[in-house]
Structures are given as C-alpha cells and as structure tokens.
C-alpha cells in the first residue's frame, strides 16, 4: 500500500486522471474516461502487475483493469459495481468515496460507459467491447 500512497500523491500533485507504476516506471495520463486504460493495454499491457491510482473508476474501467491483471488500485471516486469487480477478482482496492454509479460529465445521468458495462461481467468481453469503440 506504500506504493499506492506515492501514486495517490502524484495524482493530487499533478492533477492528472491516472497514475501507474509498472516495472519501476511511473506513467501519468491526463485523458478522461477509459482512454488511459485502453492506451496502456495497447502498449504491450503496461498494466500487468501494476499499481494504479485513478481519479474516477467505474465498472468499465474496473473490468479493463481486471483484464490487464493489475496488482492493486486506489480511486478517489469508485462506483459500487467497480468495487464488486475488484472484489470478485481479488484486486486490493482503496478509495476516498464510494458512489452508487459514476455520473456523466454533465451530471444528468449515469456515465455511458457505466451503462454499457452494467450487463458485462467478463473482463475479456469488456476488453472486446470497449477496445472496439
């Protein structure tokens, strides 16, 4: 968990969306949504065995992180469906705030990715669905 504290500090200091430590290297993203996860998966899966700190993690991102095989994760905001994914896949998760669902950017409805992931329970299927968008 010491590694997660370091990543959490980077997340706050740089005001980025996601920070990953993989094989001793630190990667930072300012992209929104699931873009950082998909990008790192495309780069020879930098996420395998990685520690992650992320601003907002919904079920779609959680399924992708599970598919990638991350070691542990910290989220500032975590949805209940995302927590269930991490629990099911035995991925240690800590968070600042647990919410029912991730909301869209206008806060008018549930996030479209959270909606799409609602009926997906397989990380492999999630990868196929979300990487084709």
Foldseek 3Di string as FASTA:
>chain_A
DVVQVVQVVVCVVVVAFKWKAAPNDIDTHNDDDLVVLLVCVVVVLSQAQMEMEGAEDAQLNLLSSLVSHYQEYEYQEYEPNSVVLCVVSVHHYHYNYYHPADADPVNPGGHPSNVVCVPPNHSVVSCVVVNVD
